[in-house]
Amino acid sequence: MICLLITDPYSYERLLERALDAAVREGEALLAVFFFSPREVKRTIDELGEKGWLGSGSLRALEASMLAGYRALAGDVLADIARRAEERGLQVHTQLFEGDRDGLMHLLEGQGCNKVLSDGPMTGLEGSGSKEG
């Protein structure tokens, strides 16, 4: 299985084409995973609070809004990836993964990924097959 790891929803186009080409060339299914860390979102929000820019109620509302926004954006990105993979006749699976890199590594290893293409750093994913960044 070819695994496509999306961490930046604004720069995945070129990487998607590489993943689609690899899946077609190798006769493999495609797994597209949109990854983000709610802990990192919270850390960013906490930094705003520490600077005194927002009160605690506003911080919680902003955090909830940002998480909802990431989830909606992930849904749009994954739908686009699925549509484009299906246009090429590929079997495709999509998944939103919210968590940390250890959990993500466990997910990818459990999916039998023989190639992982990522738009972000692959630190912590060394045991998951070949990588292309």
Protein backbone atom coordinates (compact mmCIF):
# COMPACT_ATOMS: atom_id res chain seq x y z
CA MET A 1 0.00 0.00 0.00
CA ILE A 2 1.18 3.50 -0.81
CA CYS A 3 0.58 5.86 2.11
CA LEU A 4 0.16 9.58 1.64
CA LEU A 5 0.57 11.61 4.80
CA ILE A 6 -0.87 15.13 4.65
CA THR A 7 0.19 17.59 7.34
CA ASP A 8 -0.20 20.79 5.32
CA PRO A 9 -3.55 21.11 3.57
CA TYR A 10 -2.26 23.96 1.41
CA SER A 11 0.64 22.20 -0.30
CA TYR A 12 -0.36 18.61 -0.96
CA GLU A 13 -1.09 18.82 -4.72
CA ARG A 14 2.35 17.90 -6.05
CA LEU A 15 2.82 15.19 -3.45
CA LEU A 16 -0.59 13.75 -4.29
CA GLU A 17 0.40 13.44 -7.94
CA ARG A 18 3.57 11.59 -6.93
CA ALA A 19 1.56 9.24 -4.70
CA LEU A 20 -1.04 8.59 -7.41
CA ASP A 21 1.68 7.91 -9.98
CA ALA A 22 3.44 5.51 -7.59
CA ALA A 23 0.20 3.68 -6.78
CA VAL A 24 -0.65 3.25 -10.47
CA ARG A 25 2.91 2.23 -11.38
CA GLU A 26 3.17 -0.30 -8.53
CA GLY A 27 -0.42 -1.54 -8.72
CA GLU A 28 -1.01 -0.64 -5.08
CA ALA A 29 -3.93 0.83 -3.16
CA LEU A 30 -3.58 4.33 -1.71
CA LEU A 31 -4.07 5.26 1.92
CA ALA A 32 -4.35 9.03 2.46
CA VAL A 33 -4.01 10.18 6.06
CA PHE A 34 -4.60 13.77 7.10
CA PHE A 35 -2.65 14.28 10.32
CA PHE A 36 -2.80 17.04 12.87
CA SER A 37 -2.04 17.30 16.54
CA PRO A 38 -4.74 18.78 18.80
CA ARG A 39 -1.98 19.19 21.38
CA GLU A 40 -0.13 21.53 19.01
CA VAL A 41 -3.31 23.53 18.41
CA LYS A 42 -3.76 23.83 22.16
CA ARG A 43 -0.13 24.89 22.58
CA THR A 44 -0.62 27.67 20.03
CA ILE A 45 -3.79 28.82 21.77
CA ASP A 46 -2.06 28.72 25.17
CA GLU A 47 0.71 30.94 23.83
CA LEU A 48 -1.90 33.51 22.81
CA GLY A 49 -3.34 33.35 26.32
CA GLU A 50 0.08 33.81 27.91
CA LYS A 51 0.58 36.98 25.89
CA GLY A 52 -2.71 38.27 27.24
CA TRP A 53 -4.34 38.60 23.84
CA LEU A 54 -7.45 36.63 24.73
CA GLY A 55 -9.36 35.71 27.88
CA SER A 56 -9.93 32.10 28.95
CA GLY A 57 -13.46 31.89 27.51
CA SER A 58 -12.27 33.26 24.18
CA LEU A 59 -9.31 30.87 24.19
CA ARG A 60 -11.57 27.84 24.63
CA ALA A 61 -13.88 29.08 21.87
CA LEU A 62 -10.94 29.71 19.55
CA GLU A 63 -9.49 26.27 20.25
CA ALA A 64 -12.82 24.57 19.53
CA SER A 65 -13.22 26.62 16.37
CA MET A 66 -9.71 25.81 15.15
CA LEU A 67 -10.18 22.09 15.77
CA ALA A 68 -13.52 22.14 13.93
CA GLY A 69 -11.86 24.04 11.10
CA TYR A 70 -9.04 21.51 10.80
CA ARG A 71 -11.55 18.66 10.75
CA ALA A 72 -13.63 20.33 8.03
CA LEU A 73 -10.55 21.12 5.98
CA ALA A 74 -9.35 17.54 6.38
CA GLY A 75 -12.69 16.28 5.10
CA ASP A 76 -12.42 18.49 2.01
CA VAL A 77 -8.81 17.49 1.32
CA LEU A 78 -9.51 13.77 1.79
CA ALA A 79 -12.58 13.95 -0.45
CA ASP A 80 -10.48 15.58 -3.17
CA ILE A 81 -7.81 12.90 -2.83
CA ALA A 82 -10.41 10.11 -2.98
CA ARG A 83 -12.04 11.61 -6.07
CA ARG A 84 -8.72 11.96 -7.88
CA ALA A 85 -7.56 8.45 -6.95
CA GLU A 86 -10.86 6.95 -8.10
CA GLU A 87 -10.53 8.81 -11.41
CA ARG A 88 -7.33 6.82 -11.97
CA GLY A 89 -9.04 3.56 -11.05
CA LEU A 90 -7.22 3.20 -7.74
CA GLN A 91 -8.55 1.67 -4.58
CA VAL A 92 -8.30 4.43 -1.98
CA HIS A 93 -8.79 4.67 1.77
CA THR A 94 -8.83 7.98 3.60
CA GLN A 95 -8.47 8.73 7.27
CA LEU A 96 -8.27 11.73 9.56
CA PHE A 97 -5.77 11.10 12.35
CA GLU A 98 -5.76 13.42 15.35
CA GLY A 99 -3.01 12.57 17.77
CA ASP A 100 0.72 12.38 18.19
CA ARG A 101 3.46 11.02 15.96
CA ASP A 102 3.78 7.79 17.97
CA GLY A 103 0.13 6.99 17.32
CA LEU A 104 0.54 7.91 13.68
CA MET A 105 3.53 5.60 13.34
CA HIS A 106 1.52 2.78 14.89
CA LEU A 107 -1.33 3.45 12.43
CA LEU A 108 0.96 3.42 9.39
CA GLU A 109 2.75 0.26 10.49
CA GLY A 110 -0.61 -1.44 11.03
CA GLN A 111 -1.74 -0.56 7.51
CA GLY A 112 1.14 -2.34 5.81
CA CYS A 113 2.54 0.75 4.13
CA ASN A 114 5.45 -0.14 1.90
CA LYS A 115 6.00 3.48 0.88
CA VAL A 116 5.12 6.65 2.78
CA LEU A 117 5.07 10.00 1.05
CA SER A 118 4.79 12.98 3.37
CA ASP A 119 4.56 16.73 2.95
CA GLY A 120 6.19 17.21 6.36
CA PRO A 121 9.12 15.90 8.37
CA MET A 122 9.16 12.14 8.80
CA THR A 123 10.87 12.27 12.21
CA GLY A 124 9.70 9.36 14.29
CA LEU A 125 8.40 7.38 11.32
CA GLU A 126 11.65 5.63 10.39
CA GLY A 127 10.23 2.14 10.86
CA SER A 128 7.38 2.44 8.35
CA GLY A 129 8.91 1.45 5.02
CA SER A 130 10.49 3.74 2.44
CA LYS A 131 9.89 7.46 2.79
CA GLU A 132 9.81 10.30 0.35
CA GLY A 133 9.45 13.83 1.64
